[in-house]
């Protein structure tokens, strides 16, 4: 199937980093679809199945913040939001029941994938260390997306009560300490005019924000860095074809930019 995206996939790029002013940074670490050659040759999954479990177009939203990091490699090469021992999916129970590989990947292939994981967290440490040196406190928006039509393109969607438009994950966050910052951000998302409607934004419903990146921030920068997992339901695209709603994508980017402004105001 054809992959619909905002830019051509370049298998040679690891991630895109932009630095600028301000105490807010956005990441889209599951946006990537690229694979290095040896991984592509070893992989049993077709592009469409892979895309369905990736977070396409979240990088477009993250780019609404001056500081941002957008991953270019697929989570099926290495999952940057899992700890090292689970970052390369080896068994179907780690990958939504799917058989990722033609055969068990070699130890050398896995090691080269994990080297990318190590390099990513070194880059994030360097980047966030700089922000921590410049700002008393900073905010990281960890932007993802999630499926709500898993039973098929024509099957019923997950009920709204279980699948908010935006799920805010705060599992690893010192919630009480960060409440004066977090709660105005959530309210700013609820108040935002999203193409003529207000979004259903709730906390820890579909996901709790248990990923490695938010834990990394809270452990490395206690009481200085606040990482918020933001999961968009894939209402902005057809999750079975990958085709996006361009108007919804533009509004997502504006929402993240609006929320980053609210975050900066709350920090002040």
Protein backbone atom coordinates (compact mmCIF):
# COMPACT_ATOMS: atom_id res chain seq x y z
CA UNK A 1 0.00 0.00 0.00
CA UNK A 2 1.07 3.59 -0.51
CA UNK A 3 2.15 5.40 2.60
CA UNK A 4 0.58 8.82 2.95
CA UNK A 5 2.73 11.28 4.89
CA UNK A 6 3.88 14.86 5.04
CA UNK A 7 7.39 14.11 3.80
CA UNK A 8 9.26 11.33 2.10
CA UNK A 9 10.72 8.71 4.41
CA UNK A 10 14.55 8.78 4.47
CA UNK A 11 15.99 5.59 5.92
CA UNK A 12 19.33 7.31 6.58
CA UNK A 13 17.98 9.81 9.13
CA UNK A 14 17.81 8.91 12.84
CA UNK A 15 15.87 11.94 14.09
CA UNK A 16 15.38 15.64 13.50
CA UNK A 17 16.30 18.05 16.30
CA UNK A 18 15.49 21.75 16.37
CA UNK A 19 16.62 23.99 19.23
CA UNK A 20 15.49 27.48 20.01
CA UNK A 21 14.34 29.63 22.89
CA UNK A 22 11.79 28.81 25.54
CA UNK A 23 11.34 26.20 28.31
CA UNK A 24 9.07 23.83 26.34
CA UNK A 25 10.19 20.98 24.08
CA UNK A 26 8.02 18.53 22.12
CA UNK A 27 9.00 15.03 21.02
CA UNK A 28 7.43 12.60 18.55
CA UNK A 29 9.53 9.49 19.05
CA UNK A 30 7.18 7.05 17.30
CA UNK A 31 6.61 9.21 14.22
CA UNK A 32 9.34 7.45 12.23
CA UNK A 33 8.81 4.90 9.46
CA UNK A 34 12.39 4.41 8.29
CA UNK A 35 14.43 1.21 8.57
CA UNK A 36 18.07 0.50 7.91
CA UNK A 37 18.69 -2.03 5.14
CA UNK A 38 19.51 -5.06 7.31
CA UNK A 39 16.38 -4.56 9.42
CA UNK A 40 14.18 -4.17 6.35
CA UNK A 41 15.55 -7.40 4.88
CA UNK A 42 14.94 -9.33 8.13
CA UNK A 43 11.46 -7.95 8.76
CA UNK A 44 8.32 -9.94 7.95
CA UNK A 45 5.86 -7.06 8.44
CA UNK A 46 4.55 -5.17 5.45
CA UNK A 47 4.65 -1.38 5.46
CA UNK A 48 0.93 -1.09 6.12
CA UNK A 49 0.97 -3.27 9.23
CA UNK A 50 3.97 -1.37 10.52
CA UNK A 51 2.40 2.01 9.89
CA UNK A 52 -0.73 1.03 11.78
CA UNK A 53 1.23 0.69 15.02
CA UNK A 54 3.47 3.69 14.45
CA UNK A 55 2.42 7.28 15.20
CA UNK A 56 2.43 8.95 11.79
CA UNK A 57 1.96 12.72 11.62
CA UNK A 58 2.70 13.27 15.32
CA UNK A 59 5.93 14.92 14.19
CA UNK A 60 3.85 17.55 12.39
CA UNK A 61 2.19 18.36 15.71
CA UNK A 62 5.50 18.40 17.62
CA UNK A 63 6.92 20.89 15.12
CA UNK A 64 4.44 23.42 16.49
CA UNK A 65 6.93 23.92 19.35
CA UNK A 66 10.20 25.73 18.64
CA UNK A 67 12.21 23.08 20.50
CA UNK A 68 11.38 19.64 19.12
CA UNK A 69 12.74 16.18 18.38
CA UNK A 70 11.09 14.00 15.73
CA UNK A 71 12.24 10.41 15.30
CA UNK A 72 12.70 9.16 11.74
CA UNK A 73 13.33 5.45 12.39
CA UNK A 74 10.45 3.06 12.99
CA UNK A 75 9.66 1.76 16.45
CA UNK A 76 9.91 -1.69 14.81
CA UNK A 77 13.65 -1.12 14.40
CA UNK A 78 14.05 0.18 17.93
CA UNK A 79 11.39 1.51 20.29
CA UNK A 80 12.74 4.67 21.90
CA UNK A 81 9.95 4.66 24.47
CA UNK A 82 10.90 1.32 26.00
CA UNK A 83 13.81 0.39 28.24
CA UNK A 84 16.82 -1.21 26.58
CA UNK A 85 15.87 -4.83 27.31
CA UNK A 86 12.52 -4.39 25.50
CA UNK A 87 13.44 -1.81 22.87
CA UNK A 88 13.76 -4.37 20.06
CA UNK A 89 10.60 -6.42 19.67
CA UNK A 90 11.57 -10.09 19.62
CA UNK A 91 8.26 -11.88 20.31
CA UNK A 92 4.63 -11.25 19.28
CA UNK A 93 3.61 -10.45 22.85
CA UNK A 94 5.89 -7.38 22.65
CA UNK A 95 4.35 -6.21 19.37
CA UNK A 96 0.54 -6.44 19.47
CA UNK A 97 0.57 -10.13 18.55
CA UNK A 98 2.37 -9.57 15.24
CA UNK A 99 5.29 -11.62 13.96
CA UNK A 100 7.85 -8.93 13.21
CA UNK A 101 10.69 -11.08 11.85
CA UNK A 102 11.17 -13.80 9.26
CA UNK A 103 13.42 -15.48 11.84
CA UNK A 104 14.88 -14.55 15.23
CA UNK A 105 17.01 -11.43 14.61
CA UNK A 106 20.73 -11.92 15.05
CA UNK A 107 22.50 -10.64 18.13
CA UNK A 108 24.54 -8.29 15.94
CA UNK A 109 21.41 -6.79 14.35
CA UNK A 110 19.85 -6.25 17.77
CA UNK A 111 23.06 -4.69 19.10
CA UNK A 112 23.17 -2.20 16.23
CA UNK A 113 19.55 -1.25 16.87
CA UNK A 114 20.20 -0.79 20.58
CA UNK A 115 23.17 1.45 19.76
CA UNK A 116 20.64 3.84 18.22
CA UNK A 117 18.61 3.71 21.46
CA UNK A 118 21.74 4.61 23.44
CA UNK A 119 22.60 7.44 21.06
CA UNK A 120 19.08 8.85 21.30
CA UNK A 121 19.13 9.06 25.10
CA UNK A 122 22.59 10.62 25.02
CA UNK A 123 21.27 13.25 22.60
CA UNK A 124 18.22 13.84 24.80
CA UNK A 125 20.40 14.15 27.90
CA UNK A 126 22.63 16.70 26.16
CA UNK A 127 19.64 18.66 24.86
CA UNK A 128 17.72 18.66 28.14
CA UNK A 129 20.86 19.45 30.15
CA UNK A 130 21.16 22.62 28.08
CA UNK A 131 17.52 23.50 28.72
CA UNK A 132 17.92 22.77 32.42
CA UNK A 133 20.90 25.12 32.53
CA UNK A 134 18.88 27.88 30.85
CA UNK A 135 15.58 27.52 32.71
CA UNK A 136 14.65 26.92 36.33
CA UNK A 137 12.00 24.47 35.12
CA UNK A 138 11.05 23.06 31.73
CA UNK A 139 8.23 21.04 30.15
CA UNK A 140 8.47 18.15 27.68
CA UNK A 141 5.43 17.20 25.58
CA UNK A 142 5.87 13.53 24.64
CA UNK A 143 3.44 13.27 21.70
CA UNK A 144 1.99 9.95 20.55
CA UNK A 145 -1.18 8.58 18.96
CA UNK A 146 -3.31 5.49 19.48
CA UNK A 147 -5.67 3.27 17.50
CA UNK A 148 -9.38 3.11 18.22
CA UNK A 149 -10.57 0.90 15.34
CA UNK A 150 -8.57 -2.24 16.00
CA UNK A 151 -11.35 -4.60 14.89
CA UNK A 152 -11.21 -3.34 11.32
CA UNK A 153 -11.89 -0.24 9.20
CA UNK A 154 -15.64 -0.88 9.12
CA UNK A 155 -16.04 -2.17 12.68
CA UNK A 156 -17.26 -0.11 15.60
CA UNK A 157 -14.74 2.22 17.18
CA UNK A 158 -13.71 2.03 20.82
CA UNK A 159 -16.42 3.78 22.87
CA UNK A 160 -15.68 7.43 23.58
CA UNK A 161 -15.80 6.84 27.33
CA UNK A 162 -12.73 4.62 26.97
CA UNK A 163 -11.00 6.59 24.23
CA UNK A 164 -10.70 10.34 24.78
CA UNK A 165 -9.61 12.50 21.86
CA UNK A 166 -6.50 13.36 23.84
CA UNK A 167 -5.22 11.17 26.67
CA UNK A 168 -2.82 12.82 29.11
CA UNK A 169 -0.47 10.33 30.79
CA UNK A 170 1.09 11.27 34.13
CA UNK A 171 2.13 7.94 35.68
CA UNK A 172 5.78 8.79 36.42
CA UNK A 173 5.14 12.45 37.22
CA UNK A 174 5.20 13.86 40.77
CA UNK A 175 1.59 14.83 40.12
CA UNK A 176 0.96 17.00 43.20
CA UNK A 177 4.12 19.04 42.69
CA UNK A 178 3.40 19.70 39.01
CA UNK A 179 -0.36 20.23 39.35
CA UNK A 180 -0.14 24.08 39.14
CA UNK A 181 1.52 23.65 35.73
CA UNK A 182 -0.22 20.54 34.43
CA UNK A 183 -3.81 21.54 35.12
CA UNK A 184 -3.69 24.86 33.19
CA UNK A 185 -2.19 22.95 30.23
CA UNK A 186 -5.06 20.44 30.29
CA UNK A 187 -7.61 23.22 30.55
CA UNK A 188 -6.00 25.05 27.63
CA UNK A 189 -6.42 21.90 25.52
CA UNK A 190 -10.07 21.54 26.53
CA UNK A 191 -10.78 25.18 25.73
CA UNK A 192 -9.07 25.15 22.32
CA UNK A 193 -11.29 25.60 19.27
CA UNK A 194 -10.44 22.49 17.27
CA UNK A 195 -12.03 23.22 13.90
CA UNK A 196 -15.30 24.23 15.51
CA UNK A 197 -15.43 21.75 18.39
CA UNK A 198 -13.87 21.16 21.79
CA UNK A 199 -11.81 18.03 22.35
CA UNK A 200 -12.39 15.40 25.01
CA UNK A 201 -9.14 15.66 27.02
CA UNK A 202 -8.78 13.35 30.01
CA UNK A 203 -6.01 11.98 32.17
CA UNK A 204 -4.84 8.35 32.41
CA UNK A 205 -7.81 6.74 30.64
CA UNK A 206 -6.54 4.87 27.57
CA UNK A 207 -2.89 5.15 28.64
CA UNK A 208 -1.07 6.19 31.80
CA UNK A 209 2.19 7.59 30.43
CA UNK A 210 4.42 4.70 31.48
CA UNK A 211 6.96 5.15 28.68
CA UNK A 212 10.71 5.31 29.07
CA UNK A 213 11.09 8.92 27.93
CA UNK A 214 8.84 10.46 30.57
CA UNK A 215 10.49 8.32 33.26
CA UNK A 216 13.91 9.44 32.00
CA UNK A 217 12.95 13.09 32.40
CA UNK A 218 11.46 12.69 35.87
CA UNK A 219 14.39 10.65 37.15
CA UNK A 220 17.13 12.84 35.65
CA UNK A 221 15.53 16.22 36.42
CA UNK A 222 13.48 15.78 39.60
CA UNK A 223 11.30 18.84 40.24
CA UNK A 224 12.93 20.64 37.31
CA UNK A 225 11.64 18.73 34.30
CA UNK A 226 7.98 17.84 33.77
CA UNK A 227 7.27 15.30 31.02
CA UNK A 228 3.65 14.97 29.87
CA UNK A 229 2.63 12.04 27.67
CA UNK A 230 0.09 13.30 25.12
CA UNK A 231 -1.75 10.57 23.19
CA UNK A 232 -3.97 11.69 20.32
CA UNK A 233 -6.65 9.23 19.29
CA UNK A 234 -6.23 8.69 15.55
CA UNK A 235 -9.31 10.74 14.72
CA UNK A 236 -7.00 12.85 12.56
CA UNK A 237 -6.35 10.04 10.07
CA UNK A 238 -7.62 6.73 8.74
CA UNK A 239 -5.64 4.33 10.89
CA UNK A 240 -6.09 1.51 8.33
CA UNK A 241 -4.82 3.39 5.27
CA UNK A 242 -2.61 6.04 6.86
CA UNK A 243 -4.38 8.84 4.97
CA UNK A 244 -4.54 11.98 7.13
CA UNK A 245 -7.19 14.67 7.48
CA UNK A 246 -5.06 17.69 6.61
CA UNK A 247 -7.37 20.13 8.38
CA UNK A 248 -7.16 18.07 11.56
CA UNK A 249 -3.36 17.93 11.29
CA UNK A 250 -3.17 21.70 11.05
CA UNK A 251 -5.41 22.02 14.10
CA UNK A 252 -3.30 19.48 16.03
CA UNK A 253 -0.21 21.55 15.40
CA UNK A 254 -2.00 24.72 16.48
CA UNK A 255 -3.26 22.92 19.61
CA UNK A 256 0.26 21.91 20.61
CA UNK A 257 1.57 25.42 19.96
CA UNK A 258 -1.32 26.86 22.01
CA UNK A 259 -0.64 24.39 24.84
CA UNK A 260 3.09 25.17 24.81
CA UNK A 261 2.23 28.84 25.32
CA UNK A 262 -0.03 27.85 28.22
CA UNK A 263 2.79 25.74 29.67
CA UNK A 264 5.25 28.61 29.49
CA UNK A 265 2.77 30.95 31.16
CA UNK A 266 2.12 28.41 33.91
CA UNK A 267 5.84 28.04 34.59
CA UNK A 268 6.16 31.81 35.00
